[in-house]
């Protein structure tokens, strides 16, 4: 007589068999895993399947693009994405050719989805990469694509074979470093090379225009000469990452008193309303690259964990991300001039003092 546990095991086994058969029916014979490192020659057409639509996730893919350009300098890269600002983020990378822009919700836009998938299926790639250890959708697009080599993480949340699977347990926790680790592990790169930092490749002209725009903002409300620089603050975030007035008020009081030799500028959110009661001069733009250009002109930027924090980092302004809820190890900005502020059990005033201390060290 079968027990409930035995029946459960039988059902799970049946589900796995059915899933494997459906995968084979849809995508053909599974890829055979290779015991050899990923070749560093003969790879000219690359496809990245990265479907997250959030600004932060889209920006955190740029370190992988940089590492691909360094590893395969003569190759061309296509990207599958749901990001509505993908062109603004990836368009300045010389190696990036085509961006397959999928709708955020394919069910609501079936024609657009089918058109992009048809274009994806026409391509023949030397290397297809699924850089996310969690998204099964990214793995499905990898399986749809025609590729000689297929690279992805070996993770409990993934199904569908790749030729080169990298255990996710060995990967760093950082969202920006993890895809780079995937590539380096697959090619057997053991040398200690610095991690690429997110970058949207602002031009010299864009940076100059950002500097001019910031000067106009300051000139319109504050003519105090001789200050050391400008600290930009973005006071918005989603969910429980949002810090309210009771947090920002003591933070700003400390920043103003202890850091009186700095201008403060508020970066206004997309909905066009100040989060700090218009206490400081403000800058607002719905254009991602114009916003990034102004951010690049700041002396320093600070905010809670959010997409604009990652944009500041990708604009190459010293970025100090304040973490009170989410994992700093996973989402924190990294790189020589960036800092992750662990503020989980600390007062706002203490966080403000740490930021000013970091700026003082940078000046020394």
Protein backbone atom coordinates (compact mmCIF):
# COMPACT_ATOMS: atom_id res chain seq x y z
CA UNK A 1 0.00 0.00 0.00
CA UNK A 2 1.48 3.33 -1.01
CA UNK A 3 2.19 5.96 1.62
CA UNK A 4 1.54 9.73 1.17
CA UNK A 5 5.34 10.27 0.93
CA UNK A 6 5.67 7.61 -1.77
CA UNK A 7 2.78 9.10 -3.76
CA UNK A 8 4.38 12.57 -3.45
CA UNK A 9 7.72 11.27 -4.75
CA UNK A 10 5.98 9.53 -7.66
CA UNK A 11 4.13 12.73 -8.60
CA UNK A 12 7.32 14.84 -8.44
CA UNK A 13 9.17 12.29 -10.56
CA UNK A 14 6.35 12.34 -13.14
CA UNK A 15 6.42 16.15 -13.23
CA UNK A 16 10.18 16.18 -13.86
CA UNK A 17 9.85 13.67 -16.69
CA UNK A 18 7.02 15.66 -18.28
CA UNK A 19 9.01 18.90 -17.92
CA UNK A 20 12.07 17.33 -19.59
CA UNK A 21 9.98 16.07 -22.50
CA UNK A 22 8.31 19.45 -22.98
CA UNK A 23 11.69 21.19 -22.93
CA UNK A 24 13.01 18.78 -25.55
CA UNK A 25 9.89 19.21 -27.68
CA UNK A 26 10.15 23.01 -27.56
CA UNK A 27 13.91 23.47 -27.75
CA UNK A 28 15.31 20.27 -29.24
CA UNK A 29 18.01 18.04 -27.85
CA UNK A 30 19.59 19.38 -24.64
CA UNK A 31 23.07 20.85 -24.92
CA UNK A 32 25.88 18.51 -23.96
CA UNK A 33 28.04 19.89 -21.18
CA UNK A 34 31.67 20.43 -22.13
CA UNK A 35 34.56 19.48 -19.87
CA UNK A 36 36.80 22.06 -21.59
CA UNK A 37 37.02 25.77 -20.76
CA UNK A 38 35.09 28.16 -22.94
CA UNK A 39 37.33 29.01 -25.95
CA UNK A 40 38.85 32.49 -26.13
CA UNK A 41 39.16 32.41 -29.92
CA UNK A 42 36.57 31.81 -32.62
CA UNK A 43 33.76 33.60 -30.75
CA UNK A 44 32.43 36.51 -32.79
CA UNK A 45 28.67 36.68 -32.17
CA UNK A 46 27.48 36.82 -28.56
CA UNK A 47 23.95 36.99 -27.14
CA UNK A 48 23.14 37.96 -23.54
CA UNK A 49 19.69 36.92 -22.25
CA UNK A 50 18.92 39.26 -19.36
CA UNK A 51 15.22 39.94 -18.94
CA UNK A 52 14.93 41.95 -15.72
CA UNK A 53 13.33 45.34 -16.45
CA UNK A 54 14.45 47.29 -13.36
CA UNK A 55 16.94 50.13 -13.78
CA UNK A 56 19.38 48.75 -11.20
CA UNK A 57 19.50 45.27 -12.75
CA UNK A 58 19.94 46.69 -16.24
CA UNK A 59 22.87 48.85 -15.11
CA UNK A 60 24.48 45.96 -13.23
CA UNK A 61 24.79 44.06 -16.52
CA UNK A 62 27.32 46.58 -17.86
CA UNK A 63 30.30 45.03 -16.01
CA UNK A 64 29.71 41.80 -17.96
CA UNK A 65 29.67 43.73 -21.25
CA UNK A 66 32.99 45.32 -20.31
CA UNK A 67 34.53 41.94 -19.50
CA UNK A 68 33.21 40.46 -22.75
CA UNK A 69 34.81 43.31 -24.69
CA UNK A 70 38.11 42.65 -22.93
CA UNK A 71 37.92 38.88 -23.52
CA UNK A 72 36.56 38.97 -27.09
CA UNK A 73 37.59 42.42 -28.39
CA UNK A 74 36.56 41.63 -31.97
CA UNK A 75 33.12 40.23 -31.17
CA UNK A 76 29.62 41.68 -31.56
CA UNK A 77 27.10 41.54 -28.70
CA UNK A 78 23.30 41.35 -28.90
CA UNK A 79 21.16 41.71 -25.78
CA UNK A 80 17.70 40.38 -24.90
CA UNK A 81 16.11 42.65 -22.29
CA UNK A 82 12.85 43.99 -20.90
CA UNK A 83 14.43 47.30 -19.88
CA UNK A 84 12.70 50.32 -21.37
CA UNK A 85 15.96 52.31 -21.15
CA UNK A 86 18.26 49.63 -22.58
CA UNK A 87 19.32 51.78 -25.52
CA UNK A 88 20.35 54.61 -23.20
CA UNK A 89 22.34 52.22 -21.01
CA UNK A 90 24.00 49.93 -23.56
CA UNK A 91 23.92 52.06 -26.72
CA UNK A 92 27.34 53.66 -26.18
CA UNK A 93 29.12 50.30 -26.02
CA UNK A 94 30.87 49.92 -29.37
CA UNK A 95 30.48 46.13 -29.36
CA UNK A 96 26.70 46.18 -28.75
CA UNK A 97 24.84 45.66 -32.02
CA UNK A 98 21.19 44.71 -31.56
CA UNK A 99 18.95 45.08 -28.53
CA UNK A 100 15.91 42.79 -28.53
CA UNK A 101 13.49 44.88 -26.47
CA UNK A 102 10.83 42.57 -25.02
CA UNK A 103 7.66 44.01 -23.45
CA UNK A 104 7.59 43.98 -19.64
CA UNK A 105 4.39 41.90 -19.84
CA UNK A 106 4.40 39.73 -22.95
CA UNK A 107 0.77 38.64 -22.54
CA UNK A 108 -0.36 42.24 -22.97
CA UNK A 109 1.82 42.85 -26.06
CA UNK A 110 1.87 39.54 -27.96
CA UNK A 111 2.75 41.05 -31.36
CA UNK A 112 5.81 42.88 -30.05
CA UNK A 113 6.89 39.77 -28.16
CA UNK A 114 6.56 37.53 -31.22
CA UNK A 115 8.38 40.03 -33.44
CA UNK A 116 11.38 40.21 -31.11
CA UNK A 117 11.47 36.44 -30.55
CA UNK A 118 11.37 35.88 -34.31
CA UNK A 119 14.41 38.11 -34.69
CA UNK A 120 16.13 36.30 -31.84
CA UNK A 121 15.53 32.89 -33.45
CA UNK A 122 16.99 34.04 -36.77
CA UNK A 123 20.41 34.75 -35.30
CA UNK A 124 23.18 32.18 -35.04
CA UNK A 125 25.53 32.81 -32.15
CA UNK A 126 28.87 31.47 -31.08
CA UNK A 127 28.10 32.16 -27.41
CA UNK A 128 24.77 32.63 -25.60
CA UNK A 129 24.84 33.74 -21.95
CA UNK A 130 22.16 33.59 -19.25
CA UNK A 131 23.82 35.66 -16.48
CA UNK A 132 21.06 35.48 -13.84
CA UNK A 133 21.11 32.52 -11.41
CA UNK A 134 17.43 32.96 -10.55
CA UNK A 135 15.38 33.91 -13.62
CA UNK A 136 14.02 30.91 -15.48
CA UNK A 137 12.76 33.23 -18.21
CA UNK A 138 16.31 34.15 -19.12
CA UNK A 139 17.16 30.45 -19.39
CA UNK A 140 14.19 29.88 -21.70
CA UNK A 141 15.41 32.61 -24.07
CA UNK A 142 18.89 31.06 -23.97
CA UNK A 143 17.36 27.72 -24.98
CA UNK A 144 15.43 29.36 -27.81
CA UNK A 145 18.56 30.94 -29.26
CA UNK A 146 20.80 29.08 -31.68
CA UNK A 147 24.25 28.96 -30.16
CA UNK A 148 27.36 26.82 -30.35
CA UNK A 149 28.27 27.47 -26.71
CA UNK A 150 25.76 28.22 -23.97
CA UNK A 151 26.80 29.58 -20.59
CA UNK A 152 24.79 29.89 -17.38
CA UNK A 153 24.70 29.20 -13.68
CA UNK A 154 24.01 25.78 -12.26
CA UNK A 155 21.27 26.66 -9.80
CA UNK A 156 18.26 24.88 -8.21
CA UNK A 157 16.07 27.56 -9.82
CA UNK A 158 17.29 26.73 -13.34
CA UNK A 159 16.27 23.98 -15.72
CA UNK A 160 17.59 23.41 -19.22
CA UNK A 161 21.12 22.33 -20.04
CA UNK A 162 23.99 24.60 -21.05
CA UNK A 163 27.40 23.63 -22.43
CA UNK A 164 29.18 25.49 -19.62
CA UNK A 165 27.51 25.49 -16.20
CA UNK A 166 29.07 27.36 -13.26
CA UNK A 167 27.94 26.53 -9.70
CA UNK A 168 26.16 29.54 -8.24
CA UNK A 169 27.37 28.67 -4.74
CA UNK A 170 30.91 29.71 -5.70
CA UNK A 171 29.85 33.09 -7.09
CA UNK A 172 30.23 36.40 -5.22
CA UNK A 173 27.08 37.85 -3.70
CA UNK A 174 27.33 41.14 -5.60
CA UNK A 175 24.81 41.49 -8.45
CA UNK A 176 27.35 43.33 -10.56
CA UNK A 177 30.25 40.95 -9.98
CA UNK A 178 28.30 37.70 -10.37
CA UNK A 179 27.91 37.72 -14.21
CA UNK A 180 31.60 38.61 -14.57
CA UNK A 181 32.48 35.68 -12.32
CA UNK A 182 30.34 33.45 -14.55
CA UNK A 183 32.34 34.38 -17.65
CA UNK A 184 35.73 34.24 -15.96
CA UNK A 185 34.99 30.84 -14.43
CA UNK A 186 33.92 29.42 -17.79
CA UNK A 187 37.11 30.52 -19.56
CA UNK A 188 39.32 29.41 -16.65
CA UNK A 189 40.54 32.90 -15.86
CA UNK A 190 42.36 32.61 -12.55
CA UNK A 191 44.34 35.86 -12.50
CA UNK A 192 43.16 38.43 -9.97
CA UNK A 193 41.72 41.10 -12.26
CA UNK A 194 39.79 44.07 -10.81
CA UNK A 195 36.01 43.87 -11.10
CA UNK A 196 34.57 46.22 -13.74
CA UNK A 197 32.31 48.89 -12.27
CA UNK A 198 28.91 49.75 -13.85
CA UNK A 199 29.38 52.33 -16.60
CA UNK A 200 27.09 53.86 -19.26
CA UNK A 201 30.00 55.46 -21.15
CA UNK A 202 29.12 59.14 -20.85
CA UNK A 203 30.91 61.17 -23.49
CA UNK A 204 33.15 64.17 -22.78
CA UNK A 205 30.44 66.38 -24.25
CA UNK A 206 27.73 64.87 -22.02
CA UNK A 207 29.87 65.41 -18.93
CA UNK A 208 30.52 69.03 -19.89
CA UNK A 209 26.81 69.63 -20.45
CA UNK A 210 26.07 68.08 -17.05
CA UNK A 211 28.58 70.39 -15.40
CA UNK A 212 26.99 73.43 -17.08
CA UNK A 213 23.48 72.33 -16.03
CA UNK A 214 24.58 71.87 -12.42
CA UNK A 215 26.26 75.29 -12.40
CA UNK A 216 23.00 76.86 -13.61
CA UNK A 217 21.05 75.13 -10.85
CA UNK A 218 23.41 76.43 -8.18
CA UNK A 219 23.61 79.94 -9.65
CA UNK A 220 19.82 80.28 -9.62
CA UNK A 221 19.52 79.95 -5.83
CA UNK A 222 22.93 80.07 -4.17
CA UNK A 223 25.84 82.36 -4.93
CA UNK A 224 27.96 81.42 -1.92
CA UNK A 225 31.52 81.16 -3.28
CA UNK A 226 34.41 79.01 -2.11
CA UNK A 227 32.61 75.81 -1.18
CA UNK A 228 34.42 72.49 -1.62
CA UNK A 229 31.89 70.81 -3.84
CA UNK A 230 28.36 69.54 -4.32
CA UNK A 231 26.64 66.62 -2.61
CA UNK A 232 23.66 65.22 -4.49
CA UNK A 233 20.83 63.56 -2.56
CA UNK A 234 18.07 61.38 -3.97
CA UNK A 235 15.45 60.85 -1.25
CA UNK A 236 13.13 58.40 -3.00
CA UNK A 237 13.12 54.58 -3.03
CA UNK A 238 10.62 51.76 -3.37
CA UNK A 239 8.92 49.74 -0.64
CA UNK A 240 10.51 49.59 2.78
CA UNK A 241 13.74 51.07 1.41
CA UNK A 242 12.04 54.50 1.41
CA UNK A 243 13.40 56.68 4.20
CA UNK A 244 10.86 59.13 5.56
CA UNK A 245 11.13 62.71 6.79
CA UNK A 246 11.91 61.48 10.31
CA UNK A 247 15.08 59.90 8.91
CA UNK A 248 16.16 62.59 6.44
CA UNK A 249 15.62 65.57 8.80
CA UNK A 250 18.32 64.65 11.36
CA UNK A 251 20.57 63.43 8.54
CA UNK A 252 20.33 66.79 6.75
CA UNK A 253 20.73 68.82 9.93
CA UNK A 254 24.03 67.06 10.60
CA UNK A 255 25.13 67.31 6.98
CA UNK A 256 24.39 71.04 6.92
CA UNK A 257 26.14 71.85 10.19
CA UNK A 258 29.18 69.57 9.94
CA UNK A 259 29.45 69.91 6.16
CA UNK A 260 28.64 73.59 5.75
CA UNK A 261 31.34 73.97 3.10
CA UNK A 262 29.40 71.78 0.64
CA UNK A 263 26.47 72.70 -1.56
CA UNK A 264 23.53 70.27 -1.40
CA UNK A 265 21.39 69.54 -4.46
CA UNK A 266 18.31 67.33 -4.49
CA UNK A 267 17.79 64.96 -7.41
CA UNK A 268 14.04 64.93 -7.98
CA UNK A 269 12.25 61.60 -8.71
CA UNK A 270 10.50 60.77 -11.98
CA UNK A 271 7.12 61.94 -10.68
CA UNK A 272 8.53 65.47 -10.49
CA UNK A 273 8.05 66.34 -6.82
CA UNK A 274 10.66 67.22 -4.23
CA UNK A 275 10.97 64.72 -1.40
CA UNK A 276 12.76 67.25 0.82
CA UNK A 277 10.17 70.08 0.75
CA UNK A 278 12.23 72.03 -1.81
CA UNK A 279 14.75 72.77 0.93
CA UNK A 280 17.64 72.74 -1.56
CA UNK A 281 18.21 73.54 -5.23
CA UNK A 282 16.82 70.73 -7.36
CA UNK A 283 17.52 69.00 -10.64
CA UNK A 284 14.92 67.01 -12.57
CA UNK A 285 15.04 65.16 -15.90
CA UNK A 286 13.12 62.30 -17.47
CA UNK A 287 16.08 61.71 -19.82
CA UNK A 288 18.34 59.02 -18.32
CA UNK A 289 21.56 60.21 -19.96
CA UNK A 290 20.95 63.89 -19.13
CA UNK A 291 20.35 62.90 -15.51
CA UNK A 292 23.52 60.80 -15.54
CA UNK A 293 25.46 63.73 -16.99
CA UNK A 294 24.44 65.98 -14.11
CA UNK A 295 25.19 63.23 -11.58
CA UNK A 296 28.69 62.94 -13.04
CA UNK A 297 29.33 66.60 -12.14
CA UNK A 298 28.64 66.09 -8.43
CA UNK A 299 31.40 65.81 -5.86
CA UNK A 300 29.49 62.94 -4.26
CA UNK A 301 26.08 61.28 -4.41
CA UNK A 302 24.12 59.59 -1.65
CA UNK A 303 20.76 57.83 -1.34
CA UNK A 304 19.14 54.65 -0.14
CA UNK A 305 19.39 51.52 -2.30
CA UNK A 306 17.61 52.34 -5.59
CA UNK A 307 18.05 52.45 -9.35
CA UNK A 308 19.33 56.05 -9.32
CA UNK A 309 22.07 54.95 -6.90
CA UNK A 310 23.27 52.48 -9.53
CA UNK A 311 22.97 55.19 -12.21
CA UNK A 312 25.20 57.48 -10.14
CA UNK A 313 27.74 54.69 -9.84
CA UNK A 314 27.56 54.10 -13.61
CA UNK A 315 28.10 57.85 -14.12
CA UNK A 316 31.41 57.59 -12.24
CA UNK A 317 30.51 59.98 -9.43
CA UNK A 318 31.69 58.83 -5.95
CA UNK A 319 28.57 57.02 -4.75
CA UNK A 320 27.62 56.32 -1.15
CA UNK A 321 24.68 53.93 -0.90
CA UNK A 322 22.78 53.90 2.40
CA UNK A 323 21.48 50.44 3.31
CA UNK A 324 18.83 50.04 5.99
CA UNK A 325 16.81 47.08 4.62
CA UNK A 326 18.22 45.28 1.58
CA UNK A 327 21.46 43.31 1.43
CA UNK A 328 24.45 45.63 1.10
CA UNK A 329 26.63 42.71 -0.02
CA UNK A 330 24.27 41.99 -2.90
CA UNK A 331 23.28 45.48 -4.04
CA UNK A 332 25.96 47.78 -2.66
CA UNK A 333 28.03 50.01 -4.98
CA UNK A 334 31.64 48.89 -5.35
CA UNK A 335 34.79 50.30 -6.88
CA UNK A 336 37.61 52.49 -5.64
CA UNK A 337 35.58 55.67 -5.15
CA UNK A 338 32.27 54.15 -4.01
CA UNK A 339 31.14 53.17 -0.55
CA UNK A 340 28.41 51.01 0.92
CA UNK A 341 27.06 52.56 4.13
CA UNK A 342 25.75 49.91 6.54
CA UNK A 343 23.03 51.90 8.31
CA UNK A 344 20.87 49.06 9.63
CA UNK A 345 21.05 49.96 13.31
CA UNK A 346 22.56 53.44 13.13
CA UNK A 347 21.21 56.95 13.56
CA UNK A 348 20.82 59.26 10.55
CA UNK A 349 23.23 61.74 12.15
CA UNK A 350 25.88 59.02 12.46
CA UNK A 351 25.44 58.13 8.78
CA UNK A 352 25.85 61.80 7.78
CA UNK A 353 29.07 62.04 9.79
CA UNK A 354 30.44 58.91 8.09
CA UNK A 355 29.74 60.37 4.66
CA UNK A 356 31.54 63.61 5.55
CA UNK A 357 34.44 61.58 6.94
CA UNK A 358 34.73 59.69 3.66
CA UNK A 359 34.79 62.98 1.74
CA UNK A 360 37.49 64.36 4.07
CA UNK A 361 39.62 61.25 3.49
CA UNK A 362 39.25 61.66 -0.27
CA UNK A 363 40.47 65.26 -0.03
CA UNK A 364 43.53 64.37 2.07
